[in-house]
Amino acid sequence: MHKFLSAIILYLFCSPVLLAALKDMEAPSAPAETVDMVYVVLFGIIFIGMIVGFFVYLFMNERKAKSDK
């Protein structure tokens, strides 16, 4: 089994498909020119909202656990 896995890994490293994929990955890609500020603000609101919601969830579960004791 060990020899089989070694052979597969060696084959994948020598595969021309992998070499072609690596050549494509090395090519620099241009970044997006501009991003509308609305999307940045929307992401920030959702991100902060999820963090606050997580801590509210933890607080409610802790309070519920204390009242059950």
N, C-alpha and C. Protein backbone atom coordinates (compact mmCIF):
# COMPACT_ATOMS: atom_id res chain seq x y z
N MET A 1 0.83 -1.19 0.00
CA MET A 1 0.00 0.00 0.00
C MET A 1 0.88 1.25 0.00
N HIS A 2 1.96 1.19 0.78
CA HIS A 2 2.85 2.33 0.87
C HIS A 2 3.50 2.62 -0.49
N LYS A 3 3.89 1.56 -1.20
CA LYS A 3 4.50 1.74 -2.52
C LYS A 3 3.49 2.30 -3.51
N PHE A 4 2.25 1.88 -3.38
CA PHE A 4 1.20 2.37 -4.28
C PHE A 4 0.99 3.87 -4.09
N LEU A 5 0.91 4.32 -2.83
CA LEU A 5 0.73 5.74 -2.57
C LEU A 5 1.92 6.55 -3.04
N SER A 6 3.12 6.01 -2.84
CA SER A 6 4.32 6.70 -3.31
C SER A 6 4.31 6.82 -4.83
N ALA A 7 3.88 5.77 -5.51
CA ALA A 7 3.84 5.79 -6.97
C ALA A 7 2.82 6.81 -7.46
N ILE A 8 1.69 6.89 -6.80
CA ILE A 8 0.65 7.86 -7.21
C ILE A 8 1.18 9.28 -7.03
N ILE A 9 1.80 9.55 -5.91
CA ILE A 9 2.32 10.90 -5.65
C ILE A 9 3.40 11.25 -6.67
N LEU A 10 4.29 10.31 -6.95
CA LEU A 10 5.34 10.55 -7.94
C LEU A 10 4.74 10.79 -9.32
N TYR A 11 3.73 10.03 -9.68
CA TYR A 11 3.06 10.22 -10.97
C TYR A 11 2.43 11.60 -11.05
N LEU A 12 1.77 12.03 -9.99
CA LEU A 12 1.12 13.33 -10.01
C LEU A 12 2.13 14.46 -10.14
N PHE A 13 3.27 14.32 -9.49
CA PHE A 13 4.29 15.37 -9.60
C PHE A 13 4.91 15.42 -10.99
N CYS A 14 4.96 14.30 -11.67
CA CYS A 14 5.54 14.25 -13.01
C CYS A 14 4.49 14.44 -14.11
N SER A 15 3.26 14.56 -13.74
CA SER A 15 2.18 14.65 -14.71
C SER A 15 2.25 15.96 -15.50
N PRO A 16 2.07 15.89 -16.81
CA PRO A 16 2.06 17.12 -17.62
C PRO A 16 0.86 18.01 -17.29
N VAL A 17 -0.21 17.42 -16.80
CA VAL A 17 -1.38 18.23 -16.42
C VAL A 17 -1.02 19.13 -15.25
N LEU A 18 -0.28 18.59 -14.29
CA LEU A 18 0.14 19.39 -13.15
C LEU A 18 1.08 20.50 -13.59
N LEU A 19 1.99 20.18 -14.49
CA LEU A 19 2.92 21.20 -14.98
C LEU A 19 2.19 22.33 -15.69
N ALA A 20 1.17 21.99 -16.47
CA ALA A 20 0.39 23.01 -17.16
C ALA A 20 -0.37 23.87 -16.16
N ALA A 21 -0.90 23.25 -15.11
CA ALA A 21 -1.62 24.00 -14.09
C ALA A 21 -0.68 24.93 -13.34
N LEU A 22 0.53 24.46 -13.06
CA LEU A 22 1.49 25.31 -12.35
C LEU A 22 1.92 26.50 -13.20
N LYS A 23 2.03 26.30 -14.50
CA LYS A 23 2.38 27.43 -15.38
C LYS A 23 1.28 28.48 -15.35
N ASP A 24 0.03 28.04 -15.33
CA ASP A 24 -1.08 28.99 -15.26
C ASP A 24 -1.11 29.72 -13.93
N MET A 25 -0.72 29.04 -12.87
CA MET A 25 -0.73 29.67 -11.55
C MET A 25 0.38 30.71 -11.42
N GLU A 26 1.48 30.53 -12.12
CA GLU A 26 2.59 31.46 -12.02
C GLU A 26 2.31 32.76 -12.75
N ALA A 27 1.44 32.73 -13.73
CA ALA A 27 1.14 33.93 -14.49
C ALA A 27 0.44 34.94 -13.59
N PRO A 28 0.95 36.16 -13.55
CA PRO A 28 0.31 37.16 -12.68
C PRO A 28 -1.07 37.53 -13.21
N SER A 29 -2.00 37.65 -12.31
CA SER A 29 -3.34 38.04 -12.71
C SER A 29 -3.59 39.46 -12.22
N ALA A 30 -4.25 40.22 -13.02
CA ALA A 30 -4.52 41.61 -12.68
C ALA A 30 -5.58 41.70 -11.59
N PRO A 31 -5.38 42.56 -10.61
CA PRO A 31 -6.40 42.72 -9.57
C PRO A 31 -7.61 43.48 -10.12
N ALA A 32 -8.68 43.41 -9.39
CA ALA A 32 -9.87 44.15 -9.79
C ALA A 32 -9.56 45.64 -9.74
N GLU A 33 -10.02 46.36 -10.72
CA GLU A 33 -9.69 47.78 -10.80
C GLU A 33 -10.33 48.57 -9.67
N THR A 34 -11.62 48.44 -9.51
CA THR A 34 -12.30 49.17 -8.45
C THR A 34 -13.39 48.30 -7.86
N VAL A 35 -13.70 48.59 -6.62
CA VAL A 35 -14.80 47.93 -5.95
C VAL A 35 -15.71 49.03 -5.43
N ASP A 36 -16.98 48.89 -5.69
CA ASP A 36 -17.92 49.88 -5.23
C ASP A 36 -17.94 49.92 -3.70
N MET A 37 -17.95 51.10 -3.13
CA MET A 37 -17.87 51.27 -1.68
C MET A 37 -19.08 50.67 -0.98
N VAL A 38 -20.19 50.56 -1.66
CA VAL A 38 -21.40 49.98 -1.06
C VAL A 38 -21.13 48.54 -0.64
N TYR A 39 -20.41 47.80 -1.46
CA TYR A 39 -20.13 46.40 -1.14
C TYR A 39 -19.17 46.28 0.04
N VAL A 40 -18.23 47.19 0.15
CA VAL A 40 -17.30 47.18 1.28
C VAL A 40 -18.05 47.46 2.58
N VAL A 41 -18.92 48.46 2.56
CA VAL A 41 -19.70 48.80 3.75
C VAL A 41 -20.66 47.67 4.09
N LEU A 42 -21.29 47.08 3.09
CA LEU A 42 -22.20 45.96 3.33
C LEU A 42 -21.46 44.78 3.95
N PHE A 43 -20.27 44.47 3.45
CA PHE A 43 -19.47 43.40 4.04
C PHE A 43 -19.13 43.72 5.49
N GLY A 44 -18.72 44.96 5.75
CA GLY A 44 -18.38 45.36 7.12
C GLY A 44 -19.55 45.22 8.07
N ILE A 45 -20.72 45.65 7.65
CA ILE A 45 -21.91 45.55 8.50
C ILE A 45 -22.26 44.10 8.77
N ILE A 46 -22.23 43.27 7.74
CA ILE A 46 -22.55 41.85 7.94
C ILE A 46 -21.50 41.18 8.81
N PHE A 47 -20.22 41.49 8.60
CA PHE A 47 -19.14 40.88 9.37
C PHE A 47 -19.25 41.25 10.85
N ILE A 48 -19.40 42.52 11.14
CA ILE A 48 -19.53 42.97 12.53
C ILE A 48 -20.82 42.42 13.13
N GLY A 49 -21.89 42.38 12.36
CA GLY A 49 -23.16 41.83 12.84
C GLY A 49 -23.04 40.37 13.22
N MET A 50 -22.31 39.60 12.43
CA MET A 50 -22.12 38.18 12.75
C MET A 50 -21.31 38.01 14.04
N ILE A 51 -20.30 38.84 14.23
CA ILE A 51 -19.49 38.76 15.45
C ILE A 51 -20.34 39.12 16.66
N VAL A 52 -21.09 40.19 16.58
CA VAL A 52 -21.96 40.60 17.69
C VAL A 52 -23.01 39.53 17.95
N GLY A 53 -23.60 38.99 16.90
CA GLY A 53 -24.60 37.93 17.06
C GLY A 53 -24.03 36.70 17.73
N PHE A 54 -22.79 36.35 17.42
CA PHE A 54 -22.14 35.20 18.06
C PHE A 54 -21.98 35.43 19.55
N PHE A 55 -21.52 36.62 19.94
CA PHE A 55 -21.34 36.90 21.37
C PHE A 55 -22.68 36.99 22.10
N VAL A 56 -23.71 37.49 21.45
CA VAL A 56 -25.05 37.51 22.07
C VAL A 56 -25.53 36.08 22.27
N TYR A 57 -25.30 35.22 21.29
CA TYR A 57 -25.67 33.81 21.40
C TYR A 57 -24.94 33.15 22.57
N LEU A 58 -23.64 33.41 22.70
CA LEU A 58 -22.89 32.85 23.83
C LEU A 58 -23.41 33.36 25.16
N PHE A 59 -23.72 34.65 25.23
CA PHE A 59 -24.24 35.24 26.46
C PHE A 59 -25.58 34.63 26.84
N MET A 60 -26.46 34.45 25.85
CA MET A 60 -27.78 33.88 26.15
C MET A 60 -27.66 32.43 26.61
N ASN A 61 -26.78 31.65 25.99
CA ASN A 61 -26.59 30.26 26.41
C ASN A 61 -26.00 30.17 27.80
N GLU A 62 -25.08 31.06 28.12
CA GLU A 62 -24.49 31.05 29.46
C GLU A 62 -25.54 31.43 30.51
N ARG A 63 -26.35 32.42 30.20
CA ARG A 63 -27.41 32.83 31.13
C ARG A 63 -28.43 31.71 31.31
N LYS A 64 -28.76 31.03 30.23
CA LYS A 64 -29.70 29.92 30.28
C LYS A 64 -29.13 28.77 31.11
N ALA A 65 -27.85 28.48 30.96
CA ALA A 65 -27.21 27.41 31.72
C ALA A 65 -27.18 27.73 33.22
N LYS A 66 -26.98 28.99 33.56
CA LYS A 66 -26.96 29.38 34.98
C LYS A 66 -28.35 29.27 35.59
N SER A 67 -29.38 29.62 34.83
CA SER A 67 -30.74 29.56 35.37
C SER A 67 -31.22 28.11 35.52
N ASP A 68 -30.68 27.19 34.73
CA ASP A 68 -31.06 25.78 34.83
C ASP A 68 -30.47 25.11 36.07
N LYS A 69 -29.38 25.63 36.60
CA LYS A 69 -28.73 25.01 37.77
C LYS A 69 -29.48 25.27 39.01
